[in-house]
Amino acid sequence: MSKKTELLPISLLDELNTAGAGYDILRYVSLPEILGDQSDTLLYFMGKDLARKLEIDTIEDIVYIFDRLGWGRLELIKEKKKELIFHLMADSVAERLQASFDDFRLEAGFLAEALQLINETEYECVEEINYKIHQVELKVVFTSIK
């Protein structure tokens, strides 16, 4: 029997403050070390799980969450019949890429699940990095209806 967990309001993110370096070390050094070879997959599903715990009703909520979590500025660039293309940019993204912290699986999983919650369709997300302009493209592909 599963317990129904209470969703956390996204306004809770306004109460959290961090300098970022400690988080970055845990996220990009310690966590992959602990997760080992399955790091990419587990981070993706950790992102999906996190999205399920927050009250997310709109794409604007997703954009707000990305910003508050320090993941970068998320922008919907293109909307096609079976795919959405987002760009993730910010000084923090450029700094991550310059420091060789180029893993965006947590963000990809979060985005796929958050859109799934809003639209009630299943999505998968893949990321492509453009190192020249320090930008991450998150391509969210529609897979099926729930």
C-alpha atoms as a PDB file:
ATOM      1  CA  MET A   1       0.000   0.000   0.000  1.00  0.00           C
ATOM      2  CA  SER A   2       1.515   3.333  -1.003  1.00  0.00           C
ATOM      3  CA  LYS A   3       1.232   6.515   1.023  1.00  0.00           C
ATOM      4  CA  LYS A   4      -0.013   9.655  -0.679  1.00  0.00           C
ATOM      5  CA  THR A   5       2.624  12.276   0.013  1.00  0.00           C
ATOM      6  CA  GLU A   6       1.697  15.903   0.439  1.00  0.00           C
ATOM      7  CA  LEU A   7       3.043  18.085  -2.341  1.00  0.00           C
ATOM      8  CA  LEU A   8       5.425  20.850  -1.376  1.00  0.00           C
ATOM      9  CA  PRO A   9       4.507  24.367  -2.512  1.00  0.00           C
ATOM     10  CA  ILE A  10       7.103  25.858  -4.832  1.00  0.00           C
ATOM     11  CA  SER A  11       7.074  28.996  -2.669  1.00  0.00           C
ATOM     12  CA  LEU A  12       9.096  26.924  -0.194  1.00  0.00           C
ATOM     13  CA  LEU A  13      12.061  27.441  -2.523  1.00  0.00           C
ATOM     14  CA  ASP A  14      12.085  31.146  -1.581  1.00  0.00           C
ATOM     15  CA  GLU A  15      13.030  30.128   1.963  1.00  0.00           C
ATOM     16  CA  LEU A  16      16.115  28.155   0.913  1.00  0.00           C
ATOM     17  CA  ASN A  17      19.472  29.884   0.622  1.00  0.00           C
ATOM     18  CA  THR A  18      22.836  28.455  -0.353  1.00  0.00           C
ATOM     19  CA  ALA A  19      26.167  29.736  -1.540  1.00  0.00           C
ATOM     20  CA  GLY A  20      26.269  26.958  -4.115  1.00  0.00           C
ATOM     21  CA  ALA A  21      29.810  25.561  -3.808  1.00  0.00           C
ATOM     22  CA  GLY A  22      28.851  22.947  -1.215  1.00  0.00           C
ATOM     23  CA  TYR A  23      25.903  21.848  -3.321  1.00  0.00           C
ATOM     24  CA  ASP A  24      28.082  21.670  -6.442  1.00  0.00           C
ATOM     25  CA  ILE A  25      30.707  19.496  -4.750  1.00  0.00           C
ATOM     26  CA  LEU A  26      28.044  17.105  -3.488  1.00  0.00           C
ATOM     27  CA  ARG A  27      26.194  17.038  -6.829  1.00  0.00           C
ATOM     28  CA  TYR A  28      29.120  16.736  -9.235  1.00  0.00           C
ATOM     29  CA  VAL A  29      31.780  14.973  -7.178  1.00  0.00           C
ATOM     30  CA  SER A  30      30.371  12.994  -4.252  1.00  0.00           C
ATOM     31  CA  LEU A  31      27.036  11.847  -5.659  1.00  0.00           C
ATOM     32  CA  PRO A  32      28.440  10.387  -8.911  1.00  0.00           C
ATOM     33  CA  GLU A  33      31.119   8.637  -6.836  1.00  0.00           C
ATOM     34  CA  ILE A  34      28.454   7.002  -4.676  1.00  0.00           C
ATOM     35  CA  LEU A  35      26.138   6.167  -7.579  1.00  0.00           C
ATOM     36  CA  GLY A  36      28.930   4.743  -9.735  1.00  0.00           C
ATOM     37  CA  ASP A  37      28.266   3.568 -13.281  1.00  0.00           C
ATOM     38  CA  GLN A  38      24.529   4.111 -12.894  1.00  0.00           C
ATOM     39  CA  SER A  39      24.969   7.791 -12.007  1.00  0.00           C
ATOM     40  CA  ASP A  40      23.358   9.197 -15.178  1.00  0.00           C
ATOM     41  CA  THR A  41      20.287   6.973 -14.913  1.00  0.00           C
ATOM     42  CA  LEU A  42      19.840   7.489 -11.187  1.00  0.00           C
ATOM     43  CA  LEU A  43      20.206  11.273 -11.445  1.00  0.00           C
ATOM     44  CA  TYR A  44      17.548  11.303 -14.178  1.00  0.00           C
ATOM     45  CA  PHE A  45      15.134   9.395 -11.958  1.00  0.00           C
ATOM     46  CA  MET A  46      16.023  11.545  -8.945  1.00  0.00           C
ATOM     47  CA  GLY A  47      14.951  14.555 -11.039  1.00  0.00           C
ATOM     48  CA  LYS A  48      11.673  12.844 -11.929  1.00  0.00           C
ATOM     49  CA  ASP A  49      11.072  12.012  -8.270  1.00  0.00           C
ATOM     50  CA  LEU A  50      11.757  15.600  -7.193  1.00  0.00           C
ATOM     51  CA  ALA A  51       9.211  16.921  -9.712  1.00  0.00           C
ATOM     52  CA  ARG A  52       6.557  14.611  -8.231  1.00  0.00           C
ATOM     53  CA  LYS A  53       7.084  16.187  -4.809  1.00  0.00           C
ATOM     54  CA  LEU A  54       6.406  19.803  -5.857  1.00  0.00           C
ATOM     55  CA  GLU A  55       3.181  21.551  -6.801  1.00  0.00           C
ATOM     56  CA  ILE A  56       3.709  22.209 -10.503  1.00  0.00           C
ATOM     57  CA  ASP A  57       0.817  23.530 -12.561  1.00  0.00           C
ATOM     58  CA  THR A  58       2.391  25.477 -15.424  1.00  0.00           C
ATOM     59  CA  ILE A  59       5.532  25.802 -17.500  1.00  0.00           C
ATOM     60  CA  GLU A  60       6.090  29.090 -15.674  1.00  0.00           C
ATOM     61  CA  ASP A  61       6.305  27.076 -12.433  1.00  0.00           C
ATOM     62  CA  ILE A  62       9.007  24.904 -14.016  1.00  0.00           C
ATOM     63  CA  VAL A  63      10.953  27.982 -15.157  1.00  0.00           C
ATOM     64  CA  TYR A  64      10.683  29.444 -11.650  1.00  0.00           C
ATOM     65  CA  ILE A  65      11.892  26.202 -10.031  1.00  0.00           C
ATOM     66  CA  PHE A  66      14.895  25.949 -12.361  1.00  0.00           C
ATOM     67  CA  ASP A  67      15.849  29.503 -11.454  1.00  0.00           C
ATOM     68  CA  ARG A  68      15.371  29.055  -7.677  1.00  0.00           C
ATOM     69  CA  LEU A  69      17.353  25.802  -7.639  1.00  0.00           C
ATOM     70  CA  GLY A  70      20.231  27.508  -9.437  1.00  0.00           C
ATOM     71  CA  TRP A  71      19.932  25.269 -12.471  1.00  0.00           C
ATOM     72  CA  GLY A  72      19.770  28.203 -14.883  1.00  0.00           C
ATOM     73  CA  ARG A  73      17.307  30.199 -16.950  1.00  0.00           C
ATOM     74  CA  LEU A  74      15.005  27.797 -18.786  1.00  0.00           C
ATOM     75  CA  GLU A  75      13.306  29.044 -21.926  1.00  0.00           C
ATOM     76  CA  LEU A  76      10.865  27.260 -24.232  1.00  0.00           C
ATOM     77  CA  ILE A  77      12.298  27.813 -27.711  1.00  0.00           C
ATOM     78  CA  LYS A  78      10.280  25.595 -30.016  1.00  0.00           C
ATOM     79  CA  GLU A  79       7.059  23.673 -29.739  1.00  0.00           C
ATOM     80  CA  LYS A  80       6.404  20.890 -32.230  1.00  0.00           C
ATOM     81  CA  LYS A  81       3.661  18.283 -32.363  1.00  0.00           C
ATOM     82  CA  LYS A  82       5.643  15.630 -30.469  1.00  0.00           C
ATOM     83  CA  GLU A  83       8.518  17.575 -28.956  1.00  0.00           C
ATOM     84  CA  LEU A  84       9.379  20.666 -26.970  1.00  0.00           C
ATOM     85  CA  ILE A  85      12.802  22.281 -27.132  1.00  0.00           C
ATOM     86  CA  PHE A  86      14.103  24.288 -24.200  1.00  0.00           C
ATOM     87  CA  HIS A  87      17.347  26.181 -23.781  1.00  0.00           C
ATOM     88  CA  LEU A  88      19.063  26.386 -20.430  1.00  0.00           C
ATOM     89  CA  MET A  89      21.428  29.307 -20.072  1.00  0.00           C
ATOM     90  CA  ALA A  90      22.892  31.411 -17.277  1.00  0.00           C
ATOM     91  CA  ASP A  91      26.220  32.350 -15.788  1.00  0.00           C
ATOM     92  CA  SER A  92      25.875  29.316 -13.526  1.00  0.00           C
ATOM     93  CA  VAL A  93      25.473  27.027 -16.556  1.00  0.00           C
ATOM     94  CA  ALA A  94      28.540  28.557 -18.242  1.00  0.00           C
ATOM     95  CA  GLU A  95      30.551  28.140 -15.035  1.00  0.00           C
ATOM     96  CA  ARG A  96      29.465  24.504 -14.726  1.00  0.00           C
ATOM     97  CA  LEU A  97      30.500  23.789 -18.295  1.00  0.00           C
ATOM     98  CA  GLN A  98      33.861  25.526 -17.855  1.00  0.00           C
ATOM     99  CA  ALA A  99      34.481  23.463 -14.709  1.00  0.00           C
ATOM    100  CA  SER A 100      33.668  20.249 -16.648  1.00  0.00           C
ATOM    101  CA  PHE A 101      30.483  19.701 -14.638  1.00  0.00           C
ATOM    102  CA  ASP A 102      28.524  18.925 -17.767  1.00  0.00           C
ATOM    103  CA  ASP A 103      25.923  16.556 -16.386  1.00  0.00           C
ATOM    104  CA  PHE A 104      22.344  17.776 -16.759  1.00  0.00           C
ATOM    105  CA  ARG A 105      20.536  14.459 -16.192  1.00  0.00           C
ATOM    106  CA  LEU A 106      18.878  15.628 -12.953  1.00  0.00           C
ATOM    107  CA  GLU A 107      17.442  18.642 -14.776  1.00  0.00           C
ATOM    108  CA  ALA A 108      16.369  16.517 -17.754  1.00  0.00           C
ATOM    109  CA  GLY A 109      14.497  14.054 -15.541  1.00  0.00           C
ATOM    110  CA  PHE A 110      12.864  16.876 -13.615  1.00  0.00           C
ATOM    111  CA  LEU A 111      11.715  18.604 -16.806  1.00  0.00           C
ATOM    112  CA  ALA A 112      10.304  15.414 -18.340  1.00  0.00           C
ATOM    113  CA  GLU A 113       8.317  14.567 -15.214  1.00  0.00           C
ATOM    114  CA  ALA A 114       7.136  18.133 -14.575  1.00  0.00           C
ATOM    115  CA  LEU A 115       5.733  18.360 -18.110  1.00  0.00           C
ATOM    116  CA  GLN A 116       4.172  14.941 -17.682  1.00  0.00           C
ATOM    117  CA  LEU A 117       2.386  16.170 -14.546  1.00  0.00           C
ATOM    118  CA  ILE A 118       1.080  19.277 -16.334  1.00  0.00           C
ATOM    119  CA  ASN A 119       0.037  17.682 -19.630  1.00  0.00           C
ATOM    120  CA  GLU A 120      -0.821  14.148 -18.493  1.00  0.00           C
ATOM    121  CA  THR A 121       1.286  12.633 -21.236  1.00  0.00           C
ATOM    122  CA  GLU A 122       4.567  10.767 -20.945  1.00  0.00           C
ATOM    123  CA  TYR A 123       7.792  12.498 -21.926  1.00  0.00           C
ATOM    124  CA  GLU A 124      11.471  11.676 -22.076  1.00  0.00           C
ATOM    125  CA  CYS A 125      14.172  14.322 -22.160  1.00  0.00           C
ATOM    126  CA  VAL A 126      17.665  14.354 -23.611  1.00  0.00           C
ATOM    127  CA  GLU A 127      20.197  17.118 -23.341  1.00  0.00           C
ATOM    128  CA  GLU A 128      22.672  18.439 -25.880  1.00  0.00           C
ATOM    129  CA  ILE A 129      25.443  20.807 -24.855  1.00  0.00           C
ATOM    130  CA  ASN A 130      26.738  23.608 -27.051  1.00  0.00           C
ATOM    131  CA  TYR A 131      30.101  24.390 -25.449  1.00  0.00           C
ATOM    132  CA  LYS A 132      30.805  27.350 -27.747  1.00  0.00           C
ATOM    133  CA  ILE A 133      27.896  29.412 -26.449  1.00  0.00           C
ATOM    134  CA  HIS A 134      27.623  27.727 -23.025  1.00  0.00           C
ATOM    135  CA  GLN A 135      24.083  26.558 -23.591  1.00  0.00           C
ATOM    136  CA  VAL A 136      22.243  23.342 -22.889  1.00  0.00           C
ATOM    137  CA  GLU A 137      19.408  22.264 -25.142  1.00  0.00           C
ATOM    138  CA  LEU A 138      16.816  20.073 -23.451  1.00  0.00           C
ATOM    139  CA  LYS A 139      14.745  18.194 -25.998  1.00  0.00           C
ATOM    140  CA  VAL A 140      11.557  16.798 -24.470  1.00  0.00           C
ATOM    141  CA  VAL A 141       9.885  14.148 -26.599  1.00  0.00           C
ATOM    142  CA  PHE A 142       6.288  13.001 -26.220  1.00  0.00           C
ATOM    143  CA  THR A 143       6.206   9.215 -25.793  1.00  0.00           C
ATOM    144  CA  SER A 144       2.557   8.347 -25.005  1.00  0.00           C
ATOM    145  CA  ILE A 145      -0.655   9.310 -23.219  1.00  0.00           C
ATOM    146  CA  LYS A 146      -1.004   8.208 -19.584  1.00  0.00           C
END
